[in-house]
PDB file of N, CA and C in Angstrom:
ATOM      1  N   UNK A   1      -9.760 -10.785  -7.169  1.00  0.00           N
ATOM      2  CA  UNK A   1      -8.656 -10.019  -7.390  1.00  0.00           C
ATOM      3  C   UNK A   1      -7.527  -9.472  -8.441  1.00  0.00           C
ATOM      4  N   UNK A   2      -7.402  -8.111  -8.012  1.00  0.00           N
ATOM      5  CA  UNK A   2      -7.388  -7.599  -9.353  1.00  0.00           C
ATOM      6  C   UNK A   2      -5.464  -7.932  -9.919  1.00  0.00           C
ATOM      7  N   UNK A   3      -5.621  -8.044 -10.833  1.00  0.00           N
ATOM      8  CA  UNK A   3      -3.912  -7.497 -11.288  1.00  0.00           C
ATOM      9  C   UNK A   3      -3.033  -6.808 -11.168  1.00  0.00           C
ATOM     10  N   UNK A   4      -3.884  -4.993 -11.106  1.00  0.00           N
ATOM     11  CA  UNK A   4      -3.094  -4.182 -10.575  1.00  0.00           C
ATOM     12  C   UNK A   4      -1.770  -4.287  -9.820  1.00  0.00           C
ATOM     13  N   UNK A   5      -2.649  -5.485  -8.477  1.00  0.00           N
ATOM     14  CA  UNK A   5      -1.435  -5.064  -7.167  1.00  0.00           C
ATOM     15  C   UNK A   5      -0.790  -6.201  -7.055  1.00  0.00           C
ATOM     16  N   UNK A   6       0.398  -6.144  -6.666  1.00  0.00           N
ATOM     17  CA  UNK A   6       0.769  -7.332  -5.778  1.00  0.00           C
ATOM     18  C   UNK A   6       0.251  -7.584  -4.700  1.00  0.00           C
ATOM     19  N   UNK A   7      -0.183  -9.191  -4.252  1.00  0.00           N
ATOM     20  CA  UNK A   7      -0.084  -9.093  -3.088  1.00  0.00           C
ATOM     21  C   UNK A   7       0.985  -9.847  -2.103  1.00  0.00           C
ATOM     22  N   UNK A   8       1.241  -9.473  -0.955  1.00  0.00           N
ATOM     23  CA  UNK A   8       1.861  -9.511   0.112  1.00  0.00           C
ATOM     24  C   UNK A   8       2.054 -10.520   0.724  1.00  0.00           C
ATOM     25  N   UNK A   9       2.844 -11.175   0.994  1.00  0.00           N
ATOM     26  CA  UNK A   9       2.940 -12.283   2.124  1.00  0.00           C
ATOM     27  C   UNK A   9       4.249 -11.762   3.452  1.00  0.00           C
ATOM     28  N   UNK A  10       3.885 -12.430   4.372  1.00  0.00           N
ATOM     29  CA  UNK A  10       5.283 -12.227   5.072  1.00  0.00           C
ATOM     30  C   UNK A  10       5.997 -12.896   4.489  1.00  0.00           C
ATOM     31  N   UNK A  11       5.968 -13.690   4.079  1.00  0.00           N
ATOM     32  CA  UNK A  11       7.104 -14.302   3.233  1.00  0.00           C
ATOM     33  C   UNK A  11       7.954 -13.619   2.067  1.00  0.00           C
ATOM     34  N   UNK A  12       7.585 -13.078   1.410  1.00  0.00           N
ATOM     35  CA  UNK A  12       7.402 -12.157   0.390  1.00  0.00           C
ATOM     36  C   UNK A  12       7.855 -10.671   0.551  1.00  0.00           C
ATOM     37  N   UNK A  13       7.343  -9.949   1.540  1.00  0.00           N
ATOM     38  CA  UNK A  13       7.170  -8.805   2.409  1.00  0.00           C
ATOM     39  C   UNK A  13       8.754  -7.922   1.823  1.00  0.00           C
ATOM     40  N   UNK A  14       9.850  -8.752   2.154  1.00  0.00           N
ATOM     41  CA  UNK A  14      10.619  -7.916   2.251  1.00  0.00           C
ATOM     42  C   UNK A  14      11.378  -7.757   1.197  1.00  0.00           C
ATOM     43  N   UNK A  15      11.346  -8.759   0.385  1.00  0.00           N
ATOM     44  CA  UNK A  15      11.901  -8.530  -0.902  1.00  0.00           C
ATOM     45  C   UNK A  15      11.279  -7.562  -1.669  1.00  0.00           C
ATOM     46  N   UNK A  16      10.068  -7.676  -1.689  1.00  0.00           N
ATOM     47  CA  UNK A  16       9.103  -6.745  -2.547  1.00  0.00           C
ATOM     48  C   UNK A  16       9.213  -5.503  -2.558  1.00  0.00           C
ATOM     49  N   UNK A  17       9.529  -5.012  -0.439  1.00  0.00           N
ATOM     50  CA  UNK A  17       9.399  -3.662  -0.806  1.00  0.00           C
ATOM     51  C   UNK A  17      11.174  -2.643  -1.019  1.00  0.00           C
ATOM     52  N   UNK A  18      12.041  -3.875  -1.012  1.00  0.00           N
ATOM     53  CA  UNK A  18      13.789  -3.815  -1.164  1.00  0.00           C
ATOM     54  C   UNK A  18      13.691  -2.777  -2.492  1.00  0.00           C
ATOM     55  N   UNK A  19      13.345  -2.596  -3.513  1.00  0.00           N
ATOM     56  CA  UNK A  19      13.767  -1.544  -4.281  1.00  0.00           C
ATOM     57  C   UNK A  19      12.226  -1.352  -4.670  1.00  0.00           C
ATOM     58  N   UNK A  20      12.617   0.097  -5.429  1.00  0.00           N
ATOM     59  CA  UNK A  20      11.625   1.280  -5.582  1.00  0.00           C
ATOM     60  C   UNK A  20      10.539   1.618  -5.137  1.00  0.00           C
ATOM     61  N   UNK A  21       9.639   2.273  -5.785  1.00  0.00           N
ATOM     62  CA  UNK A  21       8.469   2.990  -5.139  1.00  0.00           C
ATOM     63  C   UNK A  21       7.539   2.199  -4.704  1.00  0.00           C
ATOM     64  N   UNK A  22       7.315   1.487  -3.379  1.00  0.00           N
ATOM     65  CA  UNK A  22       6.129   0.978  -3.490  1.00  0.00           C
ATOM     66  C   UNK A  22       4.606   1.139  -2.313  1.00  0.00           C
ATOM     67  N   UNK A  23       3.711   1.522  -3.104  1.00  0.00           N
ATOM     68  CA  UNK A  23       2.630   1.675  -1.992  1.00  0.00           C
ATOM     69  C   UNK A  23       1.840   0.293  -0.952  1.00  0.00           C
ATOM     70  N   UNK A  24       1.879   0.187   0.043  1.00  0.00           N
ATOM     71  CA  UNK A  24       1.326  -1.118   0.227  1.00  0.00           C
ATOM     72  C   UNK A  24       0.241  -0.901   1.158  1.00  0.00           C
ATOM     73  N   UNK A  25      -1.027  -1.329   1.041  1.00  0.00           N
ATOM     74  CA  UNK A  25      -1.828  -1.061   1.338  1.00  0.00           C
ATOM     75  C   UNK A  25      -2.220  -2.395   2.340  1.00  0.00           C
ATOM     76  N   UNK A  26      -2.441  -1.391   3.848  1.00  0.00           N
ATOM     77  CA  UNK A  26      -3.116  -2.677   4.532  1.00  0.00           C
ATOM     78  C   UNK A  26      -4.430  -2.483   4.909  1.00  0.00           C
ATOM     79  N   UNK A  27      -4.701  -3.710   4.717  1.00  0.00           N
ATOM     80  CA  UNK A  27      -6.076  -3.956   4.931  1.00  0.00           C
ATOM     81  C   UNK A  27      -6.511  -5.304   5.859  1.00  0.00           C
ATOM     82  N   UNK A  28      -8.003  -5.641   5.448  1.00  0.00           N
ATOM     83  CA  UNK A  28      -8.550  -6.534   5.542  1.00  0.00           C
ATOM     84  C   UNK A  28      -9.549  -6.859   4.832  1.00  0.00           C
ATOM     85  N   UNK A  29     -10.205  -7.948   4.871  1.00  0.00           N
ATOM     86  CA  UNK A  29     -11.341  -8.614   3.968  1.00  0.00           C
ATOM     87  C   UNK A  29     -12.731  -7.764   4.893  1.00  0.00           C
ATOM     88  N   UNK A  30     -12.756  -7.895   6.042  1.00  0.00           N
ATOM     89  CA  UNK A  30     -14.411  -7.597   7.058  1.00  0.00           C
ATOM     90  C   UNK A  30     -13.827  -6.197   6.820  1.00  0.00           C
ATOM     91  N   UNK A  31     -13.262  -5.199   6.228  1.00  0.00           N
ATOM     92  CA  UNK A  31     -12.812  -4.033   6.158  1.00  0.00           C
ATOM     93  C   UNK A  31     -13.934  -3.473   5.267  1.00  0.00           C
ATOM     94  N   UNK A  32     -14.630  -2.233   5.627  1.00  0.00           N
ATOM     95  CA  UNK A  32     -15.953  -1.981   4.485  1.00  0.00           C
ATOM     96  C   UNK A  32     -14.785  -0.404   3.917  1.00  0.00           C
ATOM     97  N   UNK A  33     -14.222   0.566   4.988  1.00  0.00           N
ATOM     98  CA  UNK A  33     -13.691   1.363   4.054  1.00  0.00           C
ATOM     99  C   UNK A  33     -12.399   0.604   3.254  1.00  0.00           C
ATOM    100  N   UNK A  34     -11.975  -0.347   3.498  1.00  0.00           N
ATOM    101  CA  UNK A  34     -10.595  -1.122   2.880  1.00  0.00           C
ATOM    102  C   UNK A  34     -11.396  -1.408   1.275  1.00  0.00           C
ATOM    103  N   UNK A  35     -12.602  -2.088   1.492  1.00  0.00           N
ATOM    104  CA  UNK A  35     -12.922  -2.083   0.224  1.00  0.00           C
ATOM    105  C   UNK A  35     -12.976  -1.314  -0.678  1.00  0.00           C
ATOM    106  N   UNK A  36     -13.817  -0.183   0.108  1.00  0.00           N
ATOM    107  CA  UNK A  36     -14.210   0.963  -0.863  1.00  0.00           C
ATOM    108  C   UNK A  36     -12.480   1.981  -1.664  1.00  0.00           C
ATOM    109  N   UNK A  37     -11.748   1.650  -0.727  1.00  0.00           N
ATOM    110  CA  UNK A  37     -10.628   1.608  -1.249  1.00  0.00           C
ATOM    111  C   UNK A  37      -9.889   1.131  -2.286  1.00  0.00           C
ATOM    112  N   UNK A  38     -10.130  -0.115  -2.475  1.00  0.00           N
ATOM    113  CA  UNK A  38      -9.828  -0.802  -3.465  1.00  0.00           C
ATOM    114  C   UNK A  38     -10.013  -0.429  -5.093  1.00  0.00           C
ATOM    115  N   UNK A  39     -10.851   0.394  -5.374  1.00  0.00           N
ATOM    116  CA  UNK A  39     -11.380   0.677  -6.636  1.00  0.00           C
ATOM    117  C   UNK A  39     -10.538   1.648  -6.800  1.00  0.00           C
ATOM    118  N   UNK A  40     -10.624   2.665  -6.120  1.00  0.00           N
ATOM    119  CA  UNK A  40      -9.457   4.169  -6.148  1.00  0.00           C
ATOM    120  C   UNK A  40      -8.154   3.451  -6.334  1.00  0.00           C
ATOM    121  N   UNK A  41      -8.033   2.649  -5.658  1.00  0.00           N
ATOM    122  CA  UNK A  41      -6.438   2.316  -5.645  1.00  0.00           C
ATOM    123  C   UNK A  41      -6.031   1.606  -7.031  1.00  0.00           C
ATOM    124  N   UNK A  42      -6.765   0.913  -8.006  1.00  0.00           N
ATOM    125  CA  UNK A  42      -7.161   0.560  -9.022  1.00  0.00           C
ATOM    126  C   UNK A  42      -7.119   1.667 -10.376  1.00  0.00           C
ATOM    127  N   UNK A  43      -7.440   2.822  -9.695  1.00  0.00           N
ATOM    128  CA  UNK A  43      -7.225   3.776 -10.263  1.00  0.00           C
ATOM    129  C   UNK A  43      -5.993   3.870 -10.777  1.00  0.00           C
ATOM    130  N   UNK A  44      -5.671   4.645  -9.018  1.00  0.00           N
ATOM    131  CA  UNK A  44      -4.337   4.836  -8.872  1.00  0.00           C
ATOM    132  C   UNK A  44      -2.703   4.063  -9.813  1.00  0.00           C
ATOM    133  N   UNK A  45      -3.743   3.333  -9.956  1.00  0.00           N
ATOM    134  CA  UNK A  45      -2.015   1.747 -10.273  1.00  0.00           C
ATOM    135  C   UNK A  45      -2.037   2.087 -11.500  1.00  0.00           C
ATOM    136  N   UNK A  46      -3.027   2.269 -12.646  1.00  0.00           N
ATOM    137  CA  UNK A  46      -2.706   2.616 -13.783  1.00  0.00           C
ATOM    138  C   UNK A  46      -2.156   4.086 -14.425  1.00  0.00           C
ATOM    139  N   UNK A  47      -2.527   5.214 -13.354  1.00  0.00           N
ATOM    140  CA  UNK A  47      -1.251   6.841 -13.518  1.00  0.00           C
ATOM    141  C   UNK A  47      -0.282   6.545 -13.046  1.00  0.00           C
ATOM    142  N   UNK A  48       0.000   5.216 -12.421  1.00  0.00           N
ATOM    143  CA  UNK A  48       1.436   5.540 -11.217  1.00  0.00           C
ATOM    144  C   UNK A  48       2.445   4.646 -12.221  1.00  0.00           C
ATOM    145  N   UNK A  49       1.538   3.577 -13.320  1.00  0.00           N
ATOM    146  CA  UNK A  49       2.563   2.272 -13.474  1.00  0.00           C
ATOM    147  C   UNK A  49       3.966   2.817 -14.192  1.00  0.00           C
ATOM    148  N   UNK A  50       4.751   2.038 -14.063  1.00  0.00           N
ATOM    149  CA  UNK A  50       6.332   2.575 -14.503  1.00  0.00           C
ATOM    150  C   UNK A  50       6.958   3.181 -13.634  1.00  0.00           C
ATOM    151  N   UNK A  51       6.002   3.964 -13.102  1.00  0.00           N
ATOM    152  CA  UNK A  51       6.908   4.919 -11.959  1.00  0.00           C
ATOM    153  C   UNK A  51       6.899   4.225 -10.406  1.00  0.00           C
ATOM    154  N   UNK A  52       5.479   3.725  -9.729  1.00  0.00           N
ATOM    155  CA  UNK A  52       5.529   3.312  -8.688  1.00  0.00           C
ATOM    156  C   UNK A  52       4.555   1.810  -8.497  1.00  0.00           C
ATOM    157  N   UNK A  53       4.490   1.116  -7.275  1.00  0.00           N
ATOM    158  CA  UNK A  53       3.654  -0.328  -7.504  1.00  0.00           C
ATOM    159  C   UNK A  53       3.042  -0.450  -6.444  1.00  0.00           C
ATOM    160  N   UNK A  54       1.911  -0.398  -6.366  1.00  0.00           N
ATOM    161  CA  UNK A  54       0.575  -0.719  -5.695  1.00  0.00           C
ATOM    162  C   UNK A  54       0.512  -2.341  -5.325  1.00  0.00           C
ATOM    163  N   UNK A  55       0.433  -2.195  -3.516  1.00  0.00           N
ATOM    164  CA  UNK A  55       0.904  -4.052  -3.553  1.00  0.00           C
ATOM    165  C   UNK A  55      -0.334  -3.710  -1.988  1.00  0.00           C
ATOM    166  N   UNK A  56      -0.856  -4.592  -1.605  1.00  0.00           N
ATOM    167  CA  UNK A  56      -2.038  -5.177  -0.614  1.00  0.00           C
ATOM    168  C   UNK A  56      -1.527  -6.163   0.333  1.00  0.00           C
ATOM    169  N   UNK A  57      -1.446  -6.029   1.303  1.00  0.00           N
ATOM    170  CA  UNK A  57      -1.012  -6.853   2.197  1.00  0.00           C
ATOM    171  C   UNK A  57      -2.481  -7.090   3.640  1.00  0.00           C
ATOM    172  N   UNK A  58      -2.747  -8.140   3.367  1.00  0.00           N
ATOM    173  CA  UNK A  58      -4.028  -8.757   4.604  1.00  0.00           C
ATOM    174  C   UNK A  58      -3.364  -8.666   5.961  1.00  0.00           C
ATOM    175  N   UNK A  59      -4.015  -7.627   6.849  1.00  0.00           N
ATOM    176  CA  UNK A  59      -3.288  -7.971   8.088  1.00  0.00           C
ATOM    177  C   UNK A  59      -3.811  -8.726   9.137  1.00  0.00           C
ATOM    178  N   UNK A  60      -4.738  -9.712   8.319  1.00  0.00           N
ATOM    179  CA  UNK A  60      -5.130 -10.989   9.199  1.00  0.00           C
ATOM    180  C   UNK A  60      -4.434 -11.977   9.083  1.00  0.00           C
ATOM    181  N   UNK A  61      -3.231 -11.741   7.825  1.00  0.00           N
ATOM    182  CA  UNK A  61      -2.528 -13.104   6.945  1.00  0.00           C
ATOM    183  C   UNK A  61      -1.266 -12.927   7.624  1.00  0.00           C
ATOM    184  N   UNK A  62      -1.269 -11.192   7.687  1.00  0.00           N
ATOM    185  CA  UNK A  62       0.513 -11.258   8.249  1.00  0.00           C
ATOM    186  C   UNK A  62       0.400  -9.902   9.232  1.00  0.00           C
ATOM    187  N   UNK A  63       0.033 -10.364  10.064  1.00  0.00           N
ATOM    188  CA  UNK A  63       0.322 -10.037  11.472  1.00  0.00           C
ATOM    189  C   UNK A  63       1.460  -9.558  12.136  1.00  0.00           C
ATOM    190  N   UNK A  64       2.613 -10.267  11.675  1.00  0.00           N
ATOM    191  CA  UNK A  64       3.801  -9.885  12.314  1.00  0.00           C
ATOM    192  C   UNK A  64       4.249  -8.845  11.607  1.00  0.00           C
ATOM    193  N   UNK A  65       3.611  -8.457  10.403  1.00  0.00           N
ATOM    194  CA  UNK A  65       4.041  -7.534   9.702  1.00  0.00           C
ATOM    195  C   UNK A  65       3.386  -6.279  10.470  1.00  0.00           C
ATOM    196  N   UNK A  66       2.532  -6.360   9.944  1.00  0.00           N
ATOM    197  CA  UNK A  66       1.510  -5.180  10.410  1.00  0.00           C
ATOM    198  C   UNK A  66       1.622  -4.686  11.526  1.00  0.00           C
ATOM    199  N   UNK A  67       2.119  -5.598  13.326  1.00  0.00           N
ATOM    200  CA  UNK A  67       2.310  -5.153  14.437  1.00  0.00           C
ATOM    201  C   UNK A  67       4.017  -4.234  14.447  1.00  0.00           C
ATOM    202  N   UNK A  68       4.723  -5.192  13.113  1.00  0.00           N
ATOM    203  CA  UNK A  68       6.221  -4.225  13.214  1.00  0.00           C
ATOM    204  C   UNK A  68       6.190  -2.619  12.664  1.00  0.00           C
ATOM    205  N   UNK A  69       5.062  -2.558  11.871  1.00  0.00           N
ATOM    206  CA  UNK A  69       5.194  -1.326  11.661  1.00  0.00           C
ATOM    207  C   UNK A  69       3.964  -0.608  12.047  1.00  0.00           C
ATOM    208  N   UNK A  70       3.503  -0.960  13.367  1.00  0.00           N
ATOM    209  CA  UNK A  70       2.373  -0.238  14.021  1.00  0.00           C
ATOM    210  C   UNK A  70       1.304   0.087  13.132  1.00  0.00           C
ATOM    211  N   UNK A  71       0.931  -0.734  12.853  1.00  0.00           N
ATOM    212  CA  UNK A  71      -0.185  -0.566  11.847  1.00  0.00           C
ATOM    213  C   UNK A  71      -1.280  -0.839  12.730  1.00  0.00           C
ATOM    214  N   UNK A  72      -2.332   0.010  13.236  1.00  0.00           N
ATOM    215  CA  UNK A  72      -3.676   0.207  14.570  1.00  0.00           C
ATOM    216  C   UNK A  72      -4.629   0.392  13.897  1.00  0.00           C
ATOM    217  N   UNK A  73      -4.839   1.211  12.719  1.00  0.00           N
ATOM    218  CA  UNK A  73      -6.182   0.616  12.039  1.00  0.00           C
ATOM    219  C   UNK A  73      -6.319   1.006  10.391  1.00  0.00           C
ATOM    220  N   UNK A  74      -6.845   0.606   9.939  1.00  0.00           N
ATOM    221  CA  UNK A  74      -6.935   0.092   8.916  1.00  0.00           C
ATOM    222  C   UNK A  74      -8.065   0.643   7.927  1.00  0.00           C
ATOM    223  N   UNK A  75      -8.245   1.246   6.771  1.00  0.00           N
ATOM    224  CA  UNK A  75      -6.770   1.171   5.654  1.00  0.00           C
ATOM    225  C   UNK A  75      -5.801   1.967   6.280  1.00  0.00           C
ATOM    226  N   UNK A  76      -4.304   1.409   6.304  1.00  0.00           N
ATOM    227  CA  UNK A  76      -3.427   2.111   6.362  1.00  0.00           C
ATOM    228  C   UNK A  76      -2.603   1.729   5.485  1.00  0.00           C
ATOM    229  N   UNK A  77      -2.121   3.086   4.659  1.00  0.00           N
ATOM    230  CA  UNK A  77      -1.409   2.989   3.356  1.00  0.00           C
ATOM    231  C   UNK A  77       0.567   3.625   3.913  1.00  0.00           C
ATOM    232  N   UNK A  78       1.051   2.964   3.466  1.00  0.00           N
ATOM    233  CA  UNK A  78       2.382   3.389   3.871  1.00  0.00           C
ATOM    234  C   UNK A  78       3.369   3.069   2.445  1.00  0.00           C
ATOM    235  N   UNK A  79       3.844   3.878   2.385  1.00  0.00           N
ATOM    236  CA  UNK A  79       5.133   4.124   0.770  1.00  0.00           C
ATOM    237  C   UNK A  79       6.281   3.869   1.458  1.00  0.00           C
ATOM    238  N   UNK A  80       6.379   3.090   0.904  1.00  0.00           N
ATOM    239  CA  UNK A  80       8.221   2.644   0.855  1.00  0.00           C
ATOM    240  C   UNK A  80       8.853   2.636  -0.623  1.00  0.00           C
ATOM    241  N   UNK A  81      10.241   3.455  -0.252  1.00  0.00           N
ATOM    242  CA  UNK A  81      11.366   3.805  -1.233  1.00  0.00           C
ATOM    243  C   UNK A  81      12.592   2.845  -0.917  1.00  0.00           C
ATOM    244  N   UNK A  82      13.183   1.849  -1.792  1.00  0.00           N
ATOM    245  CA  UNK A  82      13.894   1.471  -1.201  1.00  0.00           C
ATOM    246  C   UNK A  82      13.965   0.644  -0.152  1.00  0.00           C
ATOM    247  N   UNK A  83      12.464  -0.102  -0.055  1.00  0.00           N
ATOM    248  CA  UNK A  83      12.870  -0.557   1.439  1.00  0.00           C
ATOM    249  C   UNK A  83      12.539   0.013   2.625  1.00  0.00           C
ATOM    250  N   UNK A  84      12.768   1.649   2.435  1.00  0.00           N
ATOM    251  CA  UNK A  84      12.353   2.317   3.849  1.00  0.00           C
ATOM    252  C   UNK A  84      11.096   2.937   3.423  1.00  0.00           C
ATOM    253  N   UNK A  85      10.275   3.211   4.442  1.00  0.00           N
ATOM    254  CA  UNK A  85       8.966   3.562   4.969  1.00  0.00           C
ATOM    255  C   UNK A  85       9.201   5.771   4.437  1.00  0.00           C
ATOM    256  N   UNK A  86       8.812   5.893   3.654  1.00  0.00           N
ATOM    257  CA  UNK A  86       8.869   7.418   3.411  1.00  0.00           C
ATOM    258  C   UNK A  86       7.740   8.096   3.822  1.00  0.00           C
ATOM    259  N   UNK A  87       6.699   7.898   3.904  1.00  0.00           N
ATOM    260  CA  UNK A  87       5.227   8.257   4.796  1.00  0.00           C
ATOM    261  C   UNK A  87       3.991   7.597   4.561  1.00  0.00           C
ATOM    262  N   UNK A  88       3.187   7.950   5.231  1.00  0.00           N
ATOM    263  CA  UNK A  88       2.016   6.751   5.751  1.00  0.00           C
ATOM    264  C   UNK A  88       0.525   8.014   5.479  1.00  0.00           C
ATOM    265  N   UNK A  89      -0.058   7.222   5.296  1.00  0.00           N
ATOM    266  CA  UNK A  89      -1.491   7.889   5.451  1.00  0.00           C
ATOM    267  C   UNK A  89      -2.678   6.986   5.968  1.00  0.00           C
ATOM    268  N   UNK A  90      -3.814   7.232   6.668  1.00  0.00           N
ATOM    269  CA  UNK A  90      -4.148   6.224   7.388  1.00  0.00           C
ATOM    270  C   UNK A  90      -6.039   7.108   7.040  1.00  0.00           C
ATOM    271  N   UNK A  91      -6.707   5.684   6.875  1.00  0.00           N
ATOM    272  CA  UNK A  91      -8.222   6.287   6.681  1.00  0.00           C
ATOM    273  C   UNK A  91      -8.546   6.178   5.283  1.00  0.00           C
ATOM    274  N   UNK A  92      -9.708   6.412   4.628  1.00  0.00           N
ATOM    275  CA  UNK A  92      -9.835   6.298   3.535  1.00  0.00           C
ATOM    276  C   UNK A  92      -9.555   7.596   2.544  1.00  0.00           C
ATOM    277  N   UNK A  93      -8.924   7.834   1.362  1.00  0.00           N
ATOM    278  CA  UNK A  93      -8.595   9.121   0.608  1.00  0.00           C
ATOM    279  C   UNK A  93      -9.098   8.978  -0.958  1.00  0.00           C
ATOM    280  N   UNK A  94      -8.681   9.952  -1.653  1.00  0.00           N
ATOM    281  CA  UNK A  94      -9.152  10.214  -2.767  1.00  0.00           C
ATOM    282  C   UNK A  94      -8.542   9.708  -3.976  1.00  0.00           C
ATOM    283  N   UNK A  95      -8.556   9.478  -5.338  1.00  0.00           N
ATOM    284  CA  UNK A  95      -7.692   9.041  -6.015  1.00  0.00           C
ATOM    285  C   UNK A  95      -6.500  10.072  -6.204  1.00  0.00           C
ATOM    286  N   UNK A  96      -6.798  11.352  -5.998  1.00  0.00           N
ATOM    287  CA  UNK A  96      -6.016  12.477  -6.836  1.00  0.00           C
ATOM    288  C   UNK A  96      -4.977  12.724  -5.151  1.00  0.00           C
ATOM    289  N   UNK A  97      -5.378  12.266  -4.002  1.00  0.00           N
ATOM    290  CA  UNK A  97      -4.345  12.630  -3.066  1.00  0.00           C
ATOM    291  C   UNK A  97      -3.389  11.291  -3.127  1.00  0.00           C
ATOM    292  N   UNK A  98      -4.004  10.558  -3.627  1.00  0.00           N
ATOM    293  CA  UNK A  98      -2.825   9.238  -3.356  1.00  0.00           C
ATOM    294  C   UNK A  98      -2.528   9.037  -4.311  1.00  0.00           C
ATOM    295  N   UNK A  99      -2.595   9.325  -5.355  1.00  0.00           N
ATOM    296  CA  UNK A  99      -1.429   9.632  -6.416  1.00  0.00           C
ATOM    297  C   UNK A  99      -0.367  10.712  -6.420  1.00  0.00           C
ATOM    298  N   UNK A 100      -0.777  12.068  -5.625  1.00  0.00           N
ATOM    299  CA  UNK A 100       0.343  12.787  -5.344  1.00  0.00           C
ATOM    300  C   UNK A 100       1.360  12.435  -4.267  1.00  0.00           C
ATOM    301  N   UNK A 101       0.408  11.310  -3.252  1.00  0.00           N
ATOM    302  CA  UNK A 101       1.140  11.068  -2.234  1.00  0.00           C
ATOM    303  C   UNK A 101       2.256  10.360  -2.615  1.00  0.00           C
ATOM    304  N   UNK A 102       1.827   9.438  -3.635  1.00  0.00           N
ATOM    305  CA  UNK A 102       2.565   8.386  -4.330  1.00  0.00           C
ATOM    306  C   UNK A 102       4.155   8.918  -4.900  1.00  0.00           C
ATOM    307  N   UNK A 103       3.794   9.978  -6.018  1.00  0.00           N
ATOM    308  CA  UNK A 103       4.591  10.887  -6.284  1.00  0.00           C
ATOM    309  C   UNK A 103       5.686  11.478  -5.925  1.00  0.00           C
ATOM    310  N   UNK A 104       5.286  12.223  -4.145  1.00  0.00           N
ATOM    311  CA  UNK A 104       5.971  13.010  -3.659  1.00  0.00           C
ATOM    312  C   UNK A 104       7.098  12.250  -3.213  1.00  0.00           C
ATOM    313  N   UNK A 105       6.278  10.733  -3.055  1.00  0.00           N
ATOM    314  CA  UNK A 105       7.569   9.793  -2.644  1.00  0.00           C
ATOM    315  C   UNK A 105       9.361   9.538  -3.350  1.00  0.00           C
ATOM    316  N   UNK A 106       8.840  10.386  -4.800  1.00  0.00           N
ATOM    317  CA  UNK A 106       9.958  10.503  -5.804  1.00  0.00           C
ATOM    318  C   UNK A 106      11.192  11.018  -5.148  1.00  0.00           C
ATOM    319  N   UNK A 107      10.373  12.665  -4.417  1.00  0.00           N
ATOM    320  CA  UNK A 107      11.386  12.849  -3.900  1.00  0.00           C
ATOM    321  C   UNK A 107      12.391  12.740  -2.747  1.00  0.00           C
ATOM    322  N   UNK A 108      11.822  11.914  -2.113  1.00  0.00           N
ATOM    323  CA  UNK A 108      12.562  11.499  -1.044  1.00  0.00           C
ATOM    324  C   UNK A 108      14.008  10.675  -1.203  1.00  0.00           C
TER     325      UNK A 108
END
């Protein structure tokens, strides 16, 4: 487990996304592309530190939240600003695209 990420649960999800800019990685341990995405997110987390938070949500442990956001394929990255979804990326992406995606959320 990385210290660069917050790990979200069904219990803390709403409070954690309520303020600021937060990118939530909807993932599962059995998902190969999700595992490939993690080191990319670790790099991005250091680049956006102080501007945004990166969090992970295990869809197997938080099925209600995953279904409430219609997450049907993983990895899915959803960007929240002050509790509202402002964008999403589906599938494996590179660091620059993820970083630009997060920073674009500041404009919403």
